[in-house]
Amino acid sequence: MYLTEKVLDYELIFDYPWKRKYPLSEYQVFSDIPALIDLDGIVLEGWYAIVEHIENSYPKLCSFLGTTAKEKSETRRLVTLFNSMFFAEVTQNIVFEKVIKRHVSHTAPDSALLRKGSNNLKYYFDYISWLIDRRNWLAGANFSFADIAAASQISCIDYVGSVKWDDYPILKDWYVRIKSRPSFKSILMDRIPTINPPDYYQELDF
């Protein structure tokens, strides 16, 4: 979504966490995703390195980190919150249990971890709603990488039917705006083998 919003051409290479491939280079020891190979052959690993590299390499394109030091700091803070803390406390507990375990260990989800993820989700959703009630977008007046990071995590949770949207009308309105962006269309079309999302997953009116 980020590269599409930046209007940059790219080619996707699909990979799954449970089917790790060889590292993309001798430096990519841990073979983490997301990863990016730029036109010069530089291998970038992890969201922070990728975004900072692109923002610095294409300064004339619209910035999704912000323009002022304050905006950039707030965007980075929120991106870290969603890509690190939200992922560890919510996505990991829900998606790993419902999806990854099914493909890796072929075992049933741990109900205790699912409850933990769902309980944590409420706190994050309340916080997102609080932010949107005071701002146009998560980090401020403009759409930013913070919105991309949050929506990407939420789409994973929504894919496995773990979001009660009626409980969060403010967050839902924000997410509808995200889903309406052409760059998010490809994310909503992604499918996990043998697991289908809820019928409303791609719909704007849900």
N, C-alpha and C. Protein backbone atom coordinates (compact mmCIF):
# COMPACT_ATOMS: atom_id res chain seq x y z
N MET A 1 0.83 -1.21 0.00
CA MET A 1 0.00 0.00 0.00
C MET A 1 0.86 1.25 0.00
N TYR A 2 1.92 1.23 0.78
CA TYR A 2 2.80 2.40 0.89
C TYR A 2 3.44 2.73 -0.45
N LEU A 3 3.97 1.73 -1.16
CA LEU A 3 4.61 1.98 -2.44
C LEU A 3 3.60 2.47 -3.48
N THR A 4 2.38 1.97 -3.42
CA THR A 4 1.33 2.43 -4.33
C THR A 4 0.97 3.88 -4.05
N GLU A 5 0.86 4.23 -2.78
CA GLU A 5 0.57 5.62 -2.41
C GLU A 5 1.69 6.56 -2.85
N LYS A 6 2.93 6.06 -2.87
CA LYS A 6 4.07 6.86 -3.32
C LYS A 6 4.16 6.94 -4.84
N VAL A 7 3.29 6.17 -5.52
CA VAL A 7 3.27 6.10 -6.99
C VAL A 7 4.63 5.62 -7.50
N LEU A 8 5.11 4.53 -6.92
CA LEU A 8 6.36 3.92 -7.35
C LEU A 8 6.08 2.54 -7.91
N ASP A 9 6.74 2.20 -9.02
CA ASP A 9 6.57 0.87 -9.61
C ASP A 9 7.31 -0.17 -8.77
N TYR A 10 6.72 -1.33 -8.62
CA TYR A 10 7.35 -2.40 -7.86
C TYR A 10 6.79 -3.74 -8.29
N GLU A 11 7.52 -4.78 -7.96
CA GLU A 11 7.07 -6.14 -8.24
C GLU A 11 7.03 -6.90 -6.92
N LEU A 12 5.91 -7.51 -6.62
CA LEU A 12 5.75 -8.23 -5.37
C LEU A 12 6.33 -9.65 -5.46
N ILE A 13 6.98 -10.06 -4.39
CA ILE A 13 7.42 -11.44 -4.25
C ILE A 13 6.70 -11.99 -3.02
N PHE A 14 5.83 -12.96 -3.22
CA PHE A 14 5.03 -13.48 -2.12
C PHE A 14 5.82 -14.50 -1.31
N ASP A 15 5.67 -14.39 0.00
CA ASP A 15 6.33 -15.31 0.90
C ASP A 15 5.44 -15.49 2.13
N TYR A 16 5.59 -16.61 2.81
CA TYR A 16 4.80 -16.88 4.00
C TYR A 16 5.74 -17.12 5.18
N PRO A 17 5.39 -16.61 6.37
CA PRO A 17 6.25 -16.78 7.54
C PRO A 17 6.54 -18.25 7.85
N TRP A 18 5.58 -19.13 7.54
CA TRP A 18 5.76 -20.54 7.86
C TRP A 18 6.50 -21.30 6.74
N LYS A 19 6.86 -20.59 5.67
CA LYS A 19 7.63 -21.19 4.58
C LYS A 19 8.80 -20.28 4.25
N ARG A 20 9.71 -20.13 5.22
CA ARG A 20 10.82 -19.22 5.03
C ARG A 20 11.73 -19.68 3.90
N LYS A 21 12.15 -18.74 3.08
CA LYS A 21 13.06 -19.02 2.00
C LYS A 21 14.46 -18.58 2.39
N TYR A 22 15.40 -18.76 1.49
CA TYR A 22 16.76 -18.34 1.78
C TYR A 22 16.82 -16.81 1.85
N PRO A 23 17.77 -16.27 2.63
CA PRO A 23 17.92 -14.81 2.70
C PRO A 23 18.13 -14.21 1.32
N LEU A 24 17.68 -12.97 1.16
CA LEU A 24 17.81 -12.29 -0.12
C LEU A 24 19.25 -11.86 -0.40
N SER A 25 20.06 -11.76 0.64
CA SER A 25 21.47 -11.41 0.48
C SER A 25 22.26 -11.96 1.65
N GLU A 26 23.59 -11.87 1.58
CA GLU A 26 24.43 -12.38 2.67
C GLU A 26 24.25 -11.59 3.95
N TYR A 27 23.70 -10.36 3.83
CA TYR A 27 23.49 -9.52 5.00
C TYR A 27 22.15 -9.79 5.67
N GLN A 28 21.24 -10.40 4.94
CA GLN A 28 19.91 -10.63 5.49
C GLN A 28 19.88 -11.97 6.22
N VAL A 29 20.62 -12.02 7.31
CA VAL A 29 20.83 -13.26 8.04
C VAL A 29 19.52 -13.86 8.55
N PHE A 30 18.64 -13.01 9.07
CA PHE A 30 17.43 -13.50 9.69
C PHE A 30 16.27 -13.61 8.72
N SER A 31 16.46 -13.19 7.47
CA SER A 31 15.46 -13.34 6.42
C SER A 31 14.09 -12.86 6.88
N ASP A 32 14.03 -11.62 7.34
CA ASP A 32 12.79 -11.07 7.87
C ASP A 32 11.94 -10.48 6.75
N ILE A 33 10.65 -10.30 7.00
CA ILE A 33 9.77 -9.61 6.08
C ILE A 33 9.01 -8.53 6.84
N PRO A 34 8.69 -7.41 6.18
CA PRO A 34 8.88 -7.15 4.75
C PRO A 34 10.34 -6.86 4.41
N ALA A 35 10.68 -7.10 3.15
CA ALA A 35 12.02 -6.80 2.65
C ALA A 35 11.86 -6.15 1.28
N LEU A 36 12.84 -5.33 0.91
CA LEU A 36 12.79 -4.62 -0.38
C LEU A 36 14.16 -4.66 -1.03
N ILE A 37 14.19 -4.97 -2.32
CA ILE A 37 15.41 -4.89 -3.11
C ILE A 37 15.23 -3.72 -4.07
N ASP A 38 16.04 -2.67 -3.90
CA ASP A 38 15.87 -1.50 -4.76
C ASP A 38 16.62 -1.69 -6.08
N LEU A 39 16.54 -0.69 -6.94
CA LEU A 39 17.13 -0.81 -8.28
C LEU A 39 18.65 -0.94 -8.25
N ASP A 40 19.28 -0.50 -7.17
CA ASP A 40 20.73 -0.62 -7.03
C ASP A 40 21.16 -1.94 -6.40
N GLY A 41 20.17 -2.79 -6.11
CA GLY A 41 20.48 -4.07 -5.51
C GLY A 41 20.60 -4.04 -4.00
N ILE A 42 20.31 -2.91 -3.39
CA ILE A 42 20.36 -2.80 -1.94
C ILE A 42 19.19 -3.55 -1.33
N VAL A 43 19.46 -4.38 -0.34
CA VAL A 43 18.42 -5.14 0.34
C VAL A 43 18.07 -4.44 1.64
N LEU A 44 16.82 -4.07 1.77
CA LEU A 44 16.33 -3.39 2.97
C LEU A 44 15.38 -4.32 3.69
N GLU A 45 15.54 -4.41 5.01
CA GLU A 45 14.79 -5.37 5.79
C GLU A 45 14.05 -4.66 6.92
N GLY A 46 12.73 -4.89 6.99
CA GLY A 46 11.93 -4.26 8.04
C GLY A 46 11.32 -2.95 7.58
N TRP A 47 10.16 -2.62 8.15
CA TRP A 47 9.41 -1.45 7.71
C TRP A 47 10.19 -0.16 7.89
N TYR A 48 10.93 -0.02 9.00
CA TYR A 48 11.61 1.25 9.28
C TYR A 48 12.67 1.55 8.23
N ALA A 49 13.51 0.57 7.94
CA ALA A 49 14.57 0.77 6.95
C ALA A 49 14.00 1.05 5.57
N ILE A 50 12.93 0.35 5.21
CA ILE A 50 12.32 0.53 3.89
C ILE A 50 11.74 1.93 3.74
N VAL A 51 10.94 2.34 4.70
CA VAL A 51 10.28 3.64 4.61
C VAL A 51 11.29 4.79 4.64
N GLU A 52 12.25 4.72 5.55
CA GLU A 52 13.25 5.79 5.63
C GLU A 52 14.06 5.88 4.34
N HIS A 53 14.39 4.74 3.76
CA HIS A 53 15.15 4.71 2.50
C HIS A 53 14.36 5.36 1.37
N ILE A 54 13.09 5.01 1.25
CA ILE A 54 12.27 5.55 0.17
C ILE A 54 12.00 7.04 0.37
N GLU A 55 11.71 7.43 1.60
CA GLU A 55 11.46 8.85 1.87
C GLU A 55 12.69 9.69 1.54
N ASN A 56 13.87 9.18 1.84
CA ASN A 56 15.11 9.92 1.56
C ASN A 56 15.50 9.86 0.09
N SER A 57 15.14 8.76 -0.58
CA SER A 57 15.53 8.59 -1.99
C SER A 57 14.62 9.35 -2.94
N TYR A 58 13.39 9.62 -2.52
CA TYR A 58 12.43 10.32 -3.38
C TYR A 58 11.83 11.51 -2.63
N PRO A 59 12.66 12.49 -2.33
CA PRO A 59 12.20 13.64 -1.52
C PRO A 59 11.14 14.50 -2.20
N LYS A 60 11.06 14.43 -3.52
CA LYS A 60 10.09 15.26 -4.24
C LYS A 60 8.68 14.66 -4.23
N LEU A 61 8.58 13.39 -3.90
CA LEU A 61 7.27 12.76 -3.82
C LEU A 61 6.62 13.07 -2.48
N CYS A 62 5.31 12.93 -2.42
CA CYS A 62 4.57 13.21 -1.19
C CYS A 62 5.12 12.38 -0.03
N SER A 63 5.40 13.05 1.07
CA SER A 63 5.93 12.34 2.24
C SER A 63 4.79 11.79 3.08
N PHE A 64 4.95 10.53 3.50
CA PHE A 64 3.96 9.92 4.36
C PHE A 64 4.46 9.80 5.80
N LEU A 65 5.58 10.47 6.07
CA LEU A 65 6.07 10.59 7.43
C LEU A 65 5.70 11.95 8.02
N GLY A 66 5.41 12.90 7.16
CA GLY A 66 5.10 14.25 7.61
C GLY A 66 6.13 15.23 7.08
N THR A 67 5.90 16.51 7.28
CA THR A 67 6.81 17.53 6.78
C THR A 67 7.60 18.22 7.89
N THR A 68 6.99 18.39 9.05
CA THR A 68 7.68 19.03 10.17
C THR A 68 8.25 17.96 11.10
N ALA A 69 9.18 18.39 11.95
CA ALA A 69 9.79 17.46 12.90
C ALA A 69 8.74 16.87 13.84
N LYS A 70 7.76 17.68 14.23
CA LYS A 70 6.70 17.22 15.12
C LYS A 70 5.84 16.16 14.45
N GLU A 71 5.48 16.40 13.18
CA GLU A 71 4.66 15.44 12.44
C GLU A 71 5.40 14.11 12.25
N LYS A 72 6.69 14.20 11.91
CA LYS A 72 7.47 12.99 11.70
C LYS A 72 7.63 12.18 12.98
N SER A 73 7.83 12.87 14.08
CA SER A 73 7.97 12.18 15.36
C SER A 73 6.68 11.46 15.75
N GLU A 74 5.55 12.13 15.54
CA GLU A 74 4.26 11.53 15.88
C GLU A 74 3.96 10.33 14.98
N THR A 75 4.28 10.45 13.70
CA THR A 75 4.05 9.34 12.77
C THR A 75 4.91 8.15 13.15
N ARG A 76 6.19 8.40 13.42
CA ARG A 76 7.08 7.30 13.81
C ARG A 76 6.62 6.64 15.11
N ARG A 77 6.14 7.44 16.06
CA ARG A 77 5.66 6.91 17.33
C ARG A 77 4.50 5.95 17.10
N LEU A 78 3.55 6.36 16.28
CA LEU A 78 2.37 5.54 16.05
C LEU A 78 2.68 4.31 15.20
N VAL A 79 3.56 4.47 14.24
CA VAL A 79 3.94 3.31 13.41
C VAL A 79 4.60 2.25 14.28
N THR A 80 5.47 2.68 15.18
CA THR A 80 6.11 1.74 16.10
C THR A 80 5.07 1.09 17.00
N LEU A 81 4.10 1.87 17.46
CA LEU A 81 3.04 1.34 18.30
C LEU A 81 2.30 0.20 17.61
N PHE A 82 1.93 0.41 16.35
CA PHE A 82 1.14 -0.60 15.64
C PHE A 82 1.98 -1.76 15.10
N ASN A 83 3.15 -1.46 14.56
CA ASN A 83 3.96 -2.52 13.97
C ASN A 83 4.71 -3.34 15.00
N SER A 84 4.85 -2.81 16.21
CA SER A 84 5.56 -3.54 17.25
C SER A 84 4.61 -3.99 18.36
N MET A 85 4.04 -3.04 19.10
CA MET A 85 3.21 -3.39 20.25
C MET A 85 1.88 -4.02 19.86
N PHE A 86 1.16 -3.39 18.92
CA PHE A 86 -0.11 -3.95 18.47
C PHE A 86 0.11 -5.35 17.89
N PHE A 87 1.16 -5.47 17.10
CA PHE A 87 1.46 -6.78 16.49
C PHE A 87 1.71 -7.83 17.56
N ALA A 88 2.52 -7.48 18.57
CA ALA A 88 2.87 -8.46 19.59
C ALA A 88 1.71 -8.79 20.51
N GLU A 89 0.89 -7.79 20.83
CA GLU A 89 -0.16 -7.99 21.83
C GLU A 89 -1.51 -8.39 21.24
N VAL A 90 -1.71 -8.10 19.96
CA VAL A 90 -3.01 -8.40 19.34
C VAL A 90 -2.85 -9.36 18.15
N THR A 91 -2.20 -8.89 17.10
CA THR A 91 -2.09 -9.68 15.87
C THR A 91 -1.46 -11.04 16.12
N GLN A 92 -0.38 -11.04 16.88
CA GLN A 92 0.32 -12.29 17.16
C GLN A 92 -0.58 -13.29 17.88
N ASN A 93 -1.32 -12.81 18.84
CA ASN A 93 -2.18 -13.70 19.63
C ASN A 93 -3.38 -14.21 18.83
N ILE A 94 -3.92 -13.37 17.97
CA ILE A 94 -5.12 -13.77 17.23
C ILE A 94 -4.79 -14.47 15.91
N VAL A 95 -3.99 -13.82 15.07
CA VAL A 95 -3.70 -14.38 13.75
C VAL A 95 -2.80 -15.61 13.85
N PHE A 96 -1.81 -15.56 14.75
CA PHE A 96 -0.95 -16.74 14.89
C PHE A 96 -1.76 -17.95 15.31
N GLU A 97 -2.65 -17.74 16.26
CA GLU A 97 -3.44 -18.86 16.76
C GLU A 97 -4.43 -19.37 15.72
N LYS A 98 -5.04 -18.47 14.97
CA LYS A 98 -6.08 -18.87 14.02
C LYS A 98 -5.53 -19.29 12.66
N VAL A 99 -4.34 -18.78 12.30
CA VAL A 99 -3.83 -19.03 10.95
C VAL A 99 -2.51 -19.80 10.96
N ILE A 100 -1.48 -19.22 11.60
CA ILE A 100 -0.15 -19.80 11.52
C ILE A 100 -0.11 -21.22 12.10
N LYS A 101 -0.73 -21.42 13.26
CA LYS A 101 -0.72 -22.76 13.88
C LYS A 101 -1.41 -23.78 13.00
N ARG A 102 -2.39 -23.31 12.26
CA ARG A 102 -3.12 -24.23 11.38
C ARG A 102 -2.22 -24.75 10.27
N HIS A 103 -1.29 -23.91 9.81
CA HIS A 103 -0.41 -24.29 8.70
C HIS A 103 0.89 -24.92 9.18
N VAL A 104 1.32 -24.60 10.39
CA VAL A 104 2.62 -25.07 10.87
C VAL A 104 2.49 -26.32 11.73
N SER A 105 1.80 -26.19 12.85
CA SER A 105 1.73 -27.32 13.79
C SER A 105 0.45 -28.13 13.65
N HIS A 106 -0.50 -27.61 12.85
CA HIS A 106 -1.78 -28.30 12.64
C HIS A 106 -2.48 -28.61 13.96
N THR A 107 -2.42 -27.64 14.86
CA THR A 107 -3.06 -27.79 16.16
C THR A 107 -4.15 -26.74 16.34
N ALA A 108 -5.00 -26.96 17.31
CA ALA A 108 -6.11 -26.03 17.57
C ALA A 108 -5.59 -24.75 18.24
N PRO A 109 -6.29 -23.64 18.03
CA PRO A 109 -5.89 -22.37 18.66
C PRO A 109 -5.95 -22.47 20.18
N ASP A 110 -5.10 -21.70 20.83
CA ASP A 110 -5.10 -21.60 22.28
C ASP A 110 -6.14 -20.57 22.69
N SER A 111 -7.21 -20.99 23.32
CA SER A 111 -8.31 -20.09 23.65
C SER A 111 -7.87 -18.98 24.60
N ALA A 112 -6.91 -19.26 25.47
CA ALA A 112 -6.43 -18.25 26.41
C ALA A 112 -5.72 -17.11 25.68
N LEU A 113 -4.91 -17.46 24.68
CA LEU A 113 -4.21 -16.45 23.90
C LEU A 113 -5.18 -15.66 23.02
N LEU A 114 -6.20 -16.33 22.51
CA LEU A 114 -7.22 -15.63 21.72
C LEU A 114 -7.95 -14.60 22.57
N ARG A 115 -8.29 -14.96 23.79
CA ARG A 115 -8.95 -14.02 24.70
C ARG A 115 -8.03 -12.85 25.04
N LYS A 116 -6.76 -13.17 25.25
CA LYS A 116 -5.79 -12.12 25.55
C LYS A 116 -5.68 -11.13 24.40
N GLY A 117 -5.61 -11.65 23.18
CA GLY A 117 -5.54 -10.78 22.01
C GLY A 117 -6.78 -9.93 21.86
N SER A 118 -7.94 -10.53 22.08
CA SER A 118 -9.21 -9.80 21.97
C SER A 118 -9.33 -8.71 23.02
N ASN A 119 -8.89 -9.00 24.24
CA ASN A 119 -8.93 -7.99 25.31
C ASN A 119 -7.98 -6.84 25.01
N ASN A 120 -6.79 -7.16 24.50
CA ASN A 120 -5.84 -6.10 24.14
C ASN A 120 -6.37 -5.26 22.99
N LEU A 121 -7.08 -5.92 22.07
CA LEU A 121 -7.63 -5.22 20.91
C LEU A 121 -8.55 -4.09 21.34
N LYS A 122 -9.32 -4.28 22.37
CA LYS A 122 -10.26 -3.26 22.84
C LYS A 122 -9.53 -1.98 23.25
N TYR A 123 -8.40 -2.14 23.94
CA TYR A 123 -7.65 -0.97 24.39
C TYR A 123 -7.09 -0.18 23.20
N TYR A 124 -6.57 -0.89 22.23
CA TYR A 124 -6.02 -0.22 21.04
C TYR A 124 -7.12 0.44 20.22
N PHE A 125 -8.25 -0.23 20.09
CA PHE A 125 -9.35 0.34 19.32
C PHE A 125 -9.92 1.58 20.01
N ASP A 126 -9.96 1.56 21.32
CA ASP A 126 -10.40 2.75 22.05
C ASP A 126 -9.43 3.90 21.82
N TYR A 127 -8.15 3.59 21.78
CA TYR A 127 -7.13 4.63 21.56
C TYR A 127 -7.22 5.18 20.13
N ILE A 128 -7.38 4.32 19.15
CA ILE A 128 -7.53 4.78 17.77
C ILE A 128 -8.77 5.67 17.65
N SER A 129 -9.86 5.25 18.25
CA SER A 129 -11.10 6.05 18.21
C SER A 129 -10.87 7.42 18.86
N TRP A 130 -10.13 7.43 19.95
CA TRP A 130 -9.82 8.69 20.65
C TRP A 130 -9.01 9.62 19.75
N LEU A 131 -8.04 9.07 19.04
CA LEU A 131 -7.22 9.88 18.14
C LEU A 131 -8.06 10.44 16.98
N ILE A 132 -8.85 9.57 16.35
CA ILE A 132 -9.63 9.99 15.19
C ILE A 132 -10.70 11.00 15.58
N ASP A 133 -11.18 10.93 16.81
CA ASP A 133 -12.18 11.89 17.27
C ASP A 133 -11.59 13.29 17.40
N ARG A 134 -10.26 13.37 17.41
CA ARG A 134 -9.57 14.65 17.60
C ARG A 134 -8.75 15.08 16.40
N ARG A 135 -8.55 14.18 15.46
CA ARG A 135 -7.72 14.46 14.29
C ARG A 135 -8.43 13.96 13.03
N ASN A 136 -7.98 14.45 11.90
CA ASN A 136 -8.53 13.97 10.64
C ASN A 136 -8.01 12.57 10.32
N TRP A 137 -6.70 12.36 10.57
CA TRP A 137 -6.07 11.05 10.41
C TRP A 137 -5.30 10.74 11.69
N LEU A 138 -4.74 9.57 11.81
CA LEU A 138 -4.16 9.14 13.07
C LEU A 138 -3.06 10.07 13.59
N ALA A 139 -2.14 10.46 12.71
CA ALA A 139 -1.01 11.27 13.16
C ALA A 139 -1.27 12.76 13.05
N GLY A 140 -2.39 13.15 12.46
CA GLY A 140 -2.66 14.58 12.31
C GLY A 140 -3.64 14.87 11.19
N ALA A 141 -3.40 15.98 10.50
CA ALA A 141 -4.32 16.43 9.47
C ALA A 141 -4.24 15.60 8.19
N ASN A 142 -3.08 14.98 7.94
CA ASN A 142 -2.87 14.30 6.67
C ASN A 142 -2.72 12.79 6.82
N PHE A 143 -3.13 12.08 5.80
CA PHE A 143 -2.95 10.63 5.72
C PHE A 143 -1.46 10.33 5.78
N SER A 144 -1.07 9.36 6.61
CA SER A 144 0.35 9.08 6.79
C SER A 144 0.62 7.59 6.91
N PHE A 145 1.89 7.27 7.10
CA PHE A 145 2.27 5.87 7.26
C PHE A 145 1.70 5.28 8.54
N ALA A 146 1.32 6.13 9.48
CA ALA A 146 0.67 5.65 10.69
C ALA A 146 -0.67 4.99 10.36
N ASP A 147 -1.42 5.61 9.44
CA ASP A 147 -2.70 5.04 9.01
C ASP A 147 -2.48 3.73 8.27
N ILE A 148 -1.44 3.68 7.46
CA ILE A 148 -1.13 2.46 6.71
C ILE A 148 -0.77 1.33 7.66
N ALA A 149 0.06 1.63 8.66
CA ALA A 149 0.49 0.61 9.61
C ALA A 149 -0.69 0.07 10.41
N ALA A 150 -1.53 0.98 10.91
CA ALA A 150 -2.68 0.55 11.70
C ALA A 150 -3.66 -0.26 10.86
N ALA A 151 -3.98 0.23 9.67
CA ALA A 151 -4.95 -0.45 8.82
C ALA A 151 -4.44 -1.82 8.37
N SER A 152 -3.15 -1.95 8.17
CA SER A 152 -2.58 -3.24 7.76
C SER A 152 -2.74 -4.28 8.86
N GLN A 153 -2.48 -3.87 10.11
CA GLN A 153 -2.67 -4.78 11.23
C GLN A 153 -4.15 -5.14 11.40
N ILE A 154 -5.00 -4.12 11.32
CA ILE A 154 -6.43 -4.35 11.52
C ILE A 154 -7.01 -5.25 10.43
N SER A 155 -6.53 -5.10 9.20
CA SER A 155 -7.05 -5.94 8.11
C SER A 155 -6.76 -7.42 8.38
N CYS A 156 -5.63 -7.70 9.04
CA CYS A 156 -5.31 -9.08 9.39
C CYS A 156 -6.30 -9.62 10.42
N ILE A 157 -6.61 -8.78 11.42
CA ILE A 157 -7.56 -9.18 12.45
C ILE A 157 -8.96 -9.34 11.85
N ASP A 158 -9.30 -8.43 10.96
CA ASP A 158 -10.62 -8.47 10.33
C ASP A 158 -10.76 -9.68 9.41
N TYR A 159 -9.66 -10.09 8.79
CA TYR A 159 -9.67 -11.22 7.87
C TYR A 159 -10.15 -12.49 8.57
N VAL A 160 -9.80 -12.63 9.85
CA VAL A 160 -10.20 -13.84 10.58
C VAL A 160 -11.46 -13.60 11.41
N GLY A 161 -12.18 -12.51 11.11
CA GLY A 161 -13.48 -12.26 11.72
C GLY A 161 -13.44 -11.92 13.19
N SER A 162 -12.38 -11.23 13.65
CA SER A 162 -12.23 -10.94 15.07
C SER A 162 -12.49 -9.48 15.44
N VAL A 163 -13.19 -8.75 14.57
CA VAL A 163 -13.50 -7.35 14.86
C VAL A 163 -15.02 -7.17 14.95
N LYS A 164 -15.48 -6.61 16.07
CA LYS A 164 -16.89 -6.28 16.23
C LYS A 164 -17.07 -4.80 15.88
N TRP A 165 -17.28 -4.54 14.61
CA TRP A 165 -17.26 -3.17 14.11
C TRP A 165 -18.35 -2.28 14.72
N ASP A 166 -19.47 -2.84 15.05
CA ASP A 166 -20.56 -2.03 15.60
C ASP A 166 -20.20 -1.41 16.95
N ASP A 167 -19.19 -1.96 17.61
CA ASP A 167 -18.77 -1.43 18.90
C ASP A 167 -17.85 -0.22 18.76
N TYR A 168 -17.39 0.04 17.53
CA TYR A 168 -16.41 1.11 17.31
C TYR A 168 -16.78 1.93 16.08
N PRO A 169 -17.84 2.73 16.14
CA PRO A 169 -18.31 3.48 14.96
C PRO A 169 -17.30 4.50 14.45
N ILE A 170 -16.57 5.16 15.34
CA ILE A 170 -15.57 6.16 14.91
C ILE A 170 -14.43 5.47 14.17
N LEU A 171 -13.95 4.38 14.73
CA LEU A 171 -12.88 3.63 14.07
C LEU A 171 -13.36 3.06 12.75
N LYS A 172 -14.60 2.61 12.71
CA LYS A 172 -15.16 2.04 11.49
C LYS A 172 -15.19 3.08 10.37
N ASP A 173 -15.60 4.31 10.68
CA ASP A 173 -15.63 5.37 9.67
C ASP A 173 -14.23 5.64 9.12
N TRP A 174 -13.24 5.64 10.01
CA TRP A 174 -11.85 5.82 9.57
C TRP A 174 -11.42 4.67 8.67
N TYR A 175 -11.76 3.44 9.05
CA TYR A 175 -11.35 2.28 8.27
C TYR A 175 -12.04 2.25 6.92
N VAL A 176 -13.25 2.72 6.85
CA VAL A 176 -13.95 2.82 5.55
C VAL A 176 -13.19 3.76 4.62
N ARG A 177 -12.69 4.86 5.17
CA ARG A 177 -11.90 5.78 4.35
C ARG A 177 -10.63 5.11 3.85
N ILE A 178 -10.02 4.27 4.68
CA ILE A 178 -8.83 3.53 4.27
C ILE A 178 -9.19 2.54 3.16
N LYS A 179 -10.27 1.80 3.36
CA LYS A 179 -10.69 0.80 2.38
C LYS A 179 -11.08 1.44 1.05
N SER A 180 -11.46 2.70 1.09
CA SER A 180 -11.87 3.40 -0.14
C SER A 180 -10.68 3.82 -0.99
N ARG A 181 -9.49 3.81 -0.44
CA ARG A 181 -8.30 4.23 -1.19
C ARG A 181 -7.91 3.13 -2.17
N PRO A 182 -7.64 3.48 -3.42
CA PRO A 182 -7.26 2.47 -4.43
C PRO A 182 -6.07 1.62 -4.00
N SER A 183 -5.16 2.21 -3.24
CA SER A 183 -3.96 1.47 -2.83
C SER A 183 -4.26 0.33 -1.88
N PHE A 184 -5.42 0.35 -1.23
CA PHE A 184 -5.77 -0.69 -0.27
C PHE A 184 -6.51 -1.86 -0.93
N LYS A 185 -6.88 -1.67 -2.18
CA LYS A 185 -7.67 -2.68 -2.88
C LYS A 185 -6.93 -4.01 -2.98
N SER A 186 -5.64 -3.96 -3.29
CA SER A 186 -4.88 -5.20 -3.44
C SER A 186 -4.76 -5.96 -2.12
N ILE A 187 -4.71 -5.23 -0.99
CA ILE A 187 -4.64 -5.87 0.32
C ILE A 187 -5.93 -6.63 0.58
N LEU A 188 -7.06 -6.02 0.25
CA LEU A 188 -8.36 -6.66 0.48
C LEU A 188 -8.59 -7.85 -0.44
N MET A 189 -7.82 -7.93 -1.50
CA MET A 189 -7.96 -9.06 -2.43
C MET A 189 -7.04 -10.23 -2.08
N ASP A 190 -6.09 -10.00 -1.18
CA ASP A 190 -5.19 -11.08 -0.77
C ASP A 190 -5.98 -12.19 -0.07
N ARG A 191 -5.57 -13.42 -0.28
CA ARG A 191 -6.21 -14.55 0.34
C ARG A 191 -5.18 -15.52 0.91
N ILE A 192 -5.51 -16.10 2.06
CA ILE A 192 -4.67 -17.12 2.68
C ILE A 192 -5.19 -18.48 2.22
N PRO A 193 -4.32 -19.35 1.75
CA PRO A 193 -4.77 -20.67 1.29
C PRO A 193 -5.59 -21.40 2.35
N THR A 194 -6.73 -21.90 1.95
CA THR A 194 -7.67 -22.70 2.75
C THR A 194 -8.43 -21.87 3.79
N ILE A 195 -8.18 -20.56 3.86
CA ILE A 195 -8.88 -19.72 4.83
C ILE A 195 -9.49 -18.53 4.11
N ASN A 196 -10.80 -18.41 4.15
CA ASN A 196 -11.49 -17.30 3.51
C ASN A 196 -11.93 -16.26 4.55
N PRO A 197 -11.92 -14.99 4.19
CA PRO A 197 -12.36 -13.95 5.12
C PRO A 197 -13.88 -13.88 5.20
N PRO A 198 -14.44 -13.11 6.13
CA PRO A 198 -15.89 -12.92 6.18
C PRO A 198 -16.40 -12.29 4.88
N ASP A 199 -17.67 -12.47 4.61
CA ASP A 199 -18.26 -11.96 3.37
C ASP A 199 -18.12 -10.44 3.25
N TYR A 200 -18.13 -9.73 4.38
CA TYR A 200 -18.09 -8.26 4.35
C TYR A 200 -16.67 -7.71 4.19
N TYR A 201 -15.67 -8.57 4.21
CA TYR A 201 -14.27 -8.14 4.31
C TYR A 201 -13.89 -7.08 3.27
N GLN A 202 -14.34 -7.24 2.03
CA GLN A 202 -13.99 -6.29 0.97
C GLN A 202 -15.00 -5.16 0.82
N GLU A 203 -16.14 -5.26 1.47
CA GLU A 203 -17.21 -4.30 1.27
C GLU A 203 -16.94 -2.99 2.01
N LEU A 204 -17.39 -1.89 1.40
CA LEU A 204 -17.29 -0.58 2.06
C LEU A 204 -18.48 -0.36 2.96
N ASP A 205 -19.60 -0.93 2.61
CA ASP A 205 -20.80 -0.81 3.42
C ASP A 205 -20.95 -2.08 4.24
N PHE A 206 -20.42 -2.06 5.45
CA PHE A 206 -20.41 -3.29 6.25
C PHE A 206 -20.79 -2.98 7.70
